[in-house]
Amino acid sequence: VDLFVGPSKLIGHYGQYIKHDHPDLIDRYDRKFALKPPTGAPHSWKCGFPIEHHSCTWIGDRAIDFLKQADDRPFFLQCSFPFPHFPFAPPDPYCYQYEPDEMVLPRESEGDLAGKPPHVAQAFHSKGAEGPLSDVTDEQKREVIAHTYGMIALVDDQVGRLLNELDELGISENTIVIFCSDHGELLFDHGLLKKGPFLYEGLVRVPLLMRWPRRLDAGRRIEGLFSLSDLTPTLLSLIGVEGWPGIEGMDQSNVLQGDDAIERTAALIEYYGGRETFDDGQRLRA
């Protein structure tokens, strides 16, 4: 394990790397070292951390090192990038890649919060360090969206490095690659920001891309429900390993190989937790 705890905390192996090899960079993630004066957009600035030592680059480097050491034995690699995530602070050049003026704002309705549970309205009107979301201007919203797209582009480039490495090693054809996420980002849908806990589609409908040139047809888009809990039984089936009794999720390997339609008719989504922004914690289900 090479551990990084993010999105910008210098904890774990990455933190040791920065503290030991580049101590002059320890504070560079902070807003006070932004490349330009922050505009007041919530949790948003142009990060002054150099891209060559950025956490996403470091994670990509460590993953490539692992792949280069792989021999003929089967391997499993989990490579988790912290982006996109608040704070919305991509480094150069990604903080300049998208123009805020070109960003499209989500549509909001006057009654968006009507009839919603109290914690939704509370998040909208709460006065945190950044102030209430109701005070955020359209210009500031466009900046946050542009910076989020920049963070996505950074991850896209790192994933491209990994796929190129598989090609160079000659193992792309027989390597299963999965791209997914733990949650989405509200990005001002319904007037809200960050990751909730709100069970809106922008948070719970996450990417799921799979590639295995030897067995899966490229370019297929499969309609229907696939839960992240299905990944384990599906992967085990694809590689010919029997799952254990009581395993969660559904084996959808036949669907991926084009044999059947998705049988899942519902997916359970849960959030259990206590948050300092709420009085009594939340237990949300969909």
Protein backbone atom coordinates (compact mmCIF):
# COMPACT_ATOMS: atom_id res chain seq x y z
CA VAL A 1 0.00 0.00 0.00
CA ASP A 2 1.08 3.54 -0.84
CA LEU A 3 -1.32 5.64 1.21
CA PHE A 4 -2.61 9.09 0.40
CA VAL A 5 -5.39 10.72 2.42
CA GLY A 6 -6.83 13.60 0.45
CA PRO A 7 -7.66 15.66 -1.27
CA SER A 8 -4.94 18.00 0.04
CA LYS A 9 -3.79 16.63 3.41
CA LEU A 10 -0.14 15.68 3.75
CA ILE A 11 -0.85 12.38 5.51
CA GLY A 12 0.45 8.88 4.80
CA HIS A 13 3.21 7.96 2.36
CA TYR A 14 2.53 10.96 0.13
CA GLY A 15 2.83 13.26 3.12
CA GLN A 16 6.14 11.65 4.04
CA TYR A 17 7.35 12.12 0.46
CA ILE A 18 6.58 15.85 0.50
CA LYS A 19 7.87 16.45 4.04
CA HIS A 20 11.14 14.58 3.45
CA ASP A 21 11.92 15.42 -0.20
CA HIS A 22 10.14 18.75 -0.76
CA PRO A 23 9.59 20.46 2.61
CA ASP A 24 9.34 23.84 0.86
CA LEU A 25 6.03 22.66 -0.66
CA ILE A 26 4.30 21.69 2.60
CA ASP A 27 1.97 24.71 2.64
CA ARG A 28 1.51 25.14 -1.11
CA TYR A 29 -1.92 23.48 -1.23
CA ASP A 30 -3.27 26.27 0.95
CA ARG A 31 -5.47 29.06 -0.41
CA LYS A 32 -2.98 31.73 0.73
CA PHE A 33 -0.52 30.44 -1.89
CA ALA A 34 -3.06 30.61 -4.73
CA LEU A 35 -1.69 31.59 -8.14
CA LYS A 36 -4.20 34.43 -8.27
CA PRO A 37 -6.10 36.16 -5.46
CA PRO A 38 -9.18 34.04 -4.64
CA THR A 39 -12.44 35.54 -5.89
CA GLY A 40 -14.55 34.44 -2.94
CA ALA A 41 -16.09 31.52 -4.81
CA PRO A 42 -16.75 28.79 -2.21
CA HIS A 43 -13.79 26.45 -1.62
CA SER A 44 -12.27 27.57 -4.93
CA TRP A 45 -8.84 28.86 -5.94
CA LYS A 46 -6.02 28.24 -8.40
CA CYS A 47 -3.69 25.94 -6.49
CA GLY A 48 -0.03 26.93 -6.35
CA PHE A 49 1.23 23.37 -5.89
CA PRO A 50 3.52 22.27 -8.78
CA ILE A 51 1.91 19.62 -10.96
CA GLU A 52 5.03 17.40 -10.99
CA HIS A 53 4.69 16.84 -7.23
CA HIS A 54 0.91 16.99 -7.01
CA SER A 55 -0.90 14.13 -5.27
CA CYS A 56 -2.60 12.98 -8.50
CA THR A 57 0.76 12.83 -10.30
CA TRP A 58 2.31 10.96 -7.36
CA ILE A 59 -0.51 8.40 -7.39
CA GLY A 60 -0.10 7.92 -11.14
CA ASP A 61 3.67 7.50 -10.68
CA ARG A 62 3.24 4.89 -7.94
CA ALA A 63 0.71 2.95 -10.01
CA ILE A 64 3.03 2.91 -13.02
CA ASP A 65 5.91 1.75 -10.82
CA PHE A 66 3.71 -1.14 -9.67
CA LEU A 67 2.80 -2.09 -13.24
CA LYS A 68 6.44 -2.08 -14.31
CA GLN A 69 7.28 -4.55 -11.55
CA ALA A 70 4.45 -6.91 -12.47
CA ASP A 71 5.53 -10.25 -13.89
CA ASP A 72 3.45 -13.05 -15.39
CA ARG A 73 1.39 -13.53 -12.22
CA PRO A 74 -2.14 -12.12 -12.02
CA PHE A 75 -2.31 -8.81 -10.16
CA PHE A 76 -4.88 -6.47 -8.67
CA LEU A 77 -4.25 -2.73 -8.50
CA GLN A 78 -6.57 -0.18 -6.93
CA CYS A 79 -5.55 3.32 -7.95
CA SER A 80 -7.63 6.01 -6.21
CA PHE A 81 -7.32 9.65 -7.30
CA PRO A 82 -8.68 12.32 -4.93
CA PHE A 83 -9.97 14.53 -7.75
CA PRO A 84 -12.54 15.81 -8.53
CA HIS A 85 -13.33 16.88 -4.97
CA PHE A 86 -13.63 20.05 -2.97
CA PRO A 87 -11.72 22.22 -2.38
CA PHE A 88 -12.07 23.14 -6.05
CA ALA A 89 -8.39 23.96 -6.45
CA PRO A 90 -6.66 22.40 -9.47
CA PRO A 91 -3.00 23.26 -10.11
CA ASP A 92 -1.54 24.92 -13.20
CA PRO A 93 -2.26 24.23 -16.10
CA TYR A 94 -5.59 22.62 -15.21
CA CYS A 95 -6.89 25.63 -13.30
CA TYR A 96 -6.77 27.57 -16.59
CA GLN A 97 -8.02 24.83 -18.92
CA TYR A 98 -11.70 25.85 -18.89
CA GLU A 99 -13.08 29.38 -19.11
CA PRO A 100 -15.66 30.17 -16.43
CA ASP A 101 -17.62 32.34 -18.88
CA GLU A 102 -18.25 29.24 -21.01
CA MET A 103 -19.66 27.14 -18.17
CA VAL A 104 -23.38 26.34 -18.19
CA LEU A 105 -25.18 26.81 -14.90
CA PRO A 106 -27.65 24.15 -13.72
CA ARG A 107 -31.30 25.07 -13.91
CA GLU A 108 -32.90 25.88 -10.57
CA SER A 109 -36.58 26.28 -9.81
CA GLU A 110 -38.17 28.61 -7.28
CA GLY A 111 -39.65 25.70 -5.35
CA ASP A 112 -36.61 23.44 -5.41
CA LEU A 113 -36.44 23.20 -1.63
CA ALA A 114 -40.19 23.07 -1.06
CA GLY A 115 -41.23 19.97 0.84
CA LYS A 116 -37.67 18.76 1.32
CA PRO A 117 -36.35 17.48 4.67
CA PRO A 118 -34.90 20.15 6.98
CA HIS A 119 -31.27 19.17 6.40
CA VAL A 120 -31.51 20.14 2.70
CA ALA A 121 -32.67 23.67 3.39
CA GLN A 122 -30.24 23.90 6.31
CA ALA A 123 -27.30 23.21 3.98
CA PHE A 124 -28.53 25.85 1.54
CA HIS A 125 -28.92 28.58 4.17
CA SER A 126 -26.15 27.60 6.62
CA LYS A 127 -23.49 30.18 7.40
CA GLY A 128 -20.21 28.32 7.36
CA ALA A 129 -16.77 29.77 6.76
CA GLU A 130 -17.74 30.38 3.13
CA GLY A 131 -21.14 31.91 3.93
CA PRO A 132 -24.58 30.65 2.83
CA LEU A 133 -24.92 29.13 -0.64
CA SER A 134 -27.77 31.52 -1.31
CA ASP A 135 -25.16 34.33 -1.47
CA VAL A 136 -22.99 32.69 -4.16
CA THR A 137 -23.05 34.65 -7.42
CA ASP A 138 -23.43 33.13 -10.88
CA GLU A 139 -19.87 34.22 -11.69
CA GLN A 140 -18.57 32.34 -8.65
CA LYS A 141 -20.59 29.25 -9.57
CA ARG A 142 -19.07 29.24 -13.05
CA GLU A 143 -15.58 29.40 -11.53
CA VAL A 144 -16.27 26.38 -9.32
CA ILE A 145 -17.61 24.43 -12.31
CA ALA A 146 -14.60 25.36 -14.47
CA HIS A 147 -12.18 24.29 -11.73
CA THR A 148 -14.07 21.01 -11.31
CA TYR A 149 -13.73 20.30 -15.02
CA GLY A 150 -10.02 21.07 -14.69
CA MET A 151 -9.69 18.50 -11.90
CA ILE A 152 -11.47 15.94 -14.09
CA ALA A 153 -9.03 16.68 -16.92
CA LEU A 154 -6.11 16.07 -14.57
CA VAL A 155 -7.46 12.64 -13.62
CA ASP A 156 -8.18 11.91 -17.27
CA ASP A 157 -4.53 12.53 -18.12
CA GLN A 158 -3.33 10.30 -15.28
CA VAL A 159 -5.64 7.47 -16.36
CA GLY A 160 -4.27 7.92 -19.87
CA ARG A 161 -0.75 7.41 -18.52
CA LEU A 162 -1.83 4.12 -16.91
CA LEU A 163 -3.52 2.86 -20.08
CA ASN A 164 -0.43 3.78 -22.12
CA GLU A 165 1.74 1.84 -19.67
CA LEU A 166 -0.44 -1.25 -20.11
CA ASP A 167 0.08 -0.90 -23.88
CA GLU A 168 3.84 -0.55 -23.54
CA LEU A 169 4.00 -3.60 -21.29
CA GLY A 170 1.94 -5.58 -23.80
CA ILE A 171 -0.73 -6.60 -21.28
CA SER A 172 -3.68 -4.41 -22.30
CA GLU A 173 -5.54 -7.24 -24.03
CA ASN A 174 -5.78 -9.34 -20.90
CA THR A 175 -6.15 -6.67 -18.21
CA ILE A 176 -9.57 -5.68 -16.90
CA VAL A 177 -9.74 -1.94 -16.31
CA ILE A 178 -12.59 -0.42 -14.29
CA PHE A 179 -13.20 3.30 -13.83
CA CYS A 180 -15.72 4.26 -11.16
CA SER A 181 -16.30 6.72 -8.34
CA ASP A 182 -17.52 6.65 -4.75
CA HIS A 183 -19.88 9.62 -5.23
CA GLY A 184 -20.67 12.52 -7.49
CA GLU A 185 -20.70 16.27 -6.92
CA LEU A 186 -23.81 18.45 -6.59
CA LEU A 187 -22.08 21.38 -8.34
CA PHE A 188 -25.05 23.69 -7.63
CA ASP A 189 -27.73 21.26 -8.77
CA HIS A 190 -30.78 22.24 -6.69
CA GLY A 191 -28.68 25.17 -5.48
CA LEU A 192 -26.44 22.83 -3.45
CA LEU A 193 -22.70 22.15 -3.45
CA LYS A 194 -20.27 19.37 -2.50
CA LYS A 195 -21.28 15.80 -1.74
CA GLY A 196 -24.26 15.94 0.53
CA PRO A 197 -25.48 13.80 2.13
CA PHE A 198 -28.33 14.28 -0.33
CA LEU A 199 -29.53 11.39 -2.44
CA TYR A 200 -29.92 13.37 -5.64
CA GLU A 201 -28.94 11.72 -8.91
CA GLY A 202 -25.93 14.01 -9.33
CA LEU A 203 -24.39 12.31 -6.29
CA VAL A 204 -25.54 8.71 -6.60
CA ARG A 205 -25.31 8.12 -10.36
CA VAL A 206 -21.57 7.63 -10.69
CA PRO A 207 -19.38 6.69 -13.67
CA LEU A 208 -18.78 3.03 -14.45
CA LEU A 209 -16.54 2.22 -17.40
CA MET A 210 -15.07 -1.23 -17.99
CA ARG A 211 -12.51 -2.41 -20.55
CA TRP A 212 -11.20 -5.88 -21.31
CA PRO A 213 -10.25 -6.13 -25.01
CA ARG A 214 -9.99 -9.93 -24.97
CA ARG A 215 -13.53 -10.51 -23.71
CA LEU A 216 -15.67 -7.34 -23.77
CA ASP A 217 -16.88 -5.54 -26.89
CA ALA A 218 -15.75 -1.93 -27.06
CA GLY A 219 -18.22 0.93 -27.33
CA ARG A 220 -21.22 -0.74 -25.71
CA ARG A 221 -23.50 1.33 -23.49
CA ILE A 222 -25.62 -0.85 -21.23
CA GLU A 223 -28.87 0.61 -19.96
CA GLY A 224 -30.15 -0.40 -16.54
CA LEU A 225 -29.07 -0.48 -12.93
CA PHE A 226 -25.61 -1.55 -11.81
CA SER A 227 -24.66 -1.09 -8.16
CA LEU A 228 -21.08 -0.76 -6.97
CA SER A 229 -21.86 -3.76 -4.77
CA ASP A 230 -22.09 -5.76 -8.02
CA LEU A 231 -18.43 -5.17 -8.85
CA THR A 232 -17.01 -7.89 -6.60
CA PRO A 233 -19.20 -10.83 -7.70
CA THR A 234 -18.97 -9.68 -11.32
CA LEU A 235 -15.18 -9.46 -11.27
CA LEU A 236 -14.81 -12.82 -9.54
CA SER A 237 -17.00 -14.44 -12.17
CA LEU A 238 -15.06 -12.85 -15.04
CA ILE A 239 -11.76 -14.28 -13.77
CA GLY A 240 -13.24 -17.68 -12.85
CA VAL A 241 -13.13 -17.38 -9.06
CA GLU A 242 -16.09 -18.55 -7.01
CA GLY A 243 -17.66 -16.03 -4.65
CA TRP A 244 -18.26 -16.76 -0.98
CA PRO A 245 -21.67 -17.58 0.54
CA GLY A 246 -23.69 -14.48 1.28
CA ILE A 247 -21.67 -12.21 -1.01
CA GLU A 248 -23.41 -8.87 -1.59
CA GLY A 249 -24.33 -7.68 -5.04
CA MET A 250 -25.29 -9.42 -8.29
CA ASP A 251 -23.01 -11.18 -10.76
CA GLN A 252 -23.52 -9.16 -13.95
CA SER A 253 -20.71 -10.75 -15.96
CA ASN A 254 -23.14 -12.19 -18.51
CA VAL A 255 -24.55 -8.71 -19.12
CA LEU A 256 -21.09 -7.30 -19.76
CA GLN A 257 -20.39 -10.04 -22.28
CA GLY A 258 -23.63 -9.33 -24.13
CA ASP A 259 -25.50 -12.49 -23.19
CA ASP A 260 -28.35 -11.11 -21.09
CA ALA A 261 -30.23 -7.98 -20.14
CA ILE A 262 -29.71 -6.45 -16.71
CA GLU A 263 -32.01 -8.10 -14.19
CA ARG A 264 -31.51 -5.62 -11.36
CA THR A 265 -34.73 -3.68 -10.79
CA ALA A 266 -33.62 -1.60 -7.80
CA ALA A 267 -30.47 -0.42 -6.06
CA LEU A 268 -30.35 0.38 -2.35
CA ILE A 269 -28.55 3.62 -1.49
CA GLU A 270 -27.79 4.41 2.14
CA TYR A 271 -26.11 7.15 4.08
CA TYR A 272 -25.52 6.64 7.78
CA GLY A 273 -23.51 9.17 9.66
CA GLY A 274 -23.16 12.01 12.07
CA ARG A 275 -22.06 15.32 10.64
CA GLU A 276 -21.10 18.42 12.56
CA THR A 277 -23.46 20.41 10.35
CA PHE A 278 -26.48 18.48 11.65
CA ASP A 279 -27.87 18.25 15.15
CA ASP A 280 -28.59 14.53 15.30
CA GLY A 281 -26.82 12.88 12.37
CA GLN A 282 -28.60 11.56 9.29
CA ARG A 283 -29.91 8.22 8.14
CA LEU A 284 -30.88 8.59 4.51
CA ARG A 285 -32.10 5.82 2.20
CA ALA A 286 -33.32 5.56 -1.38
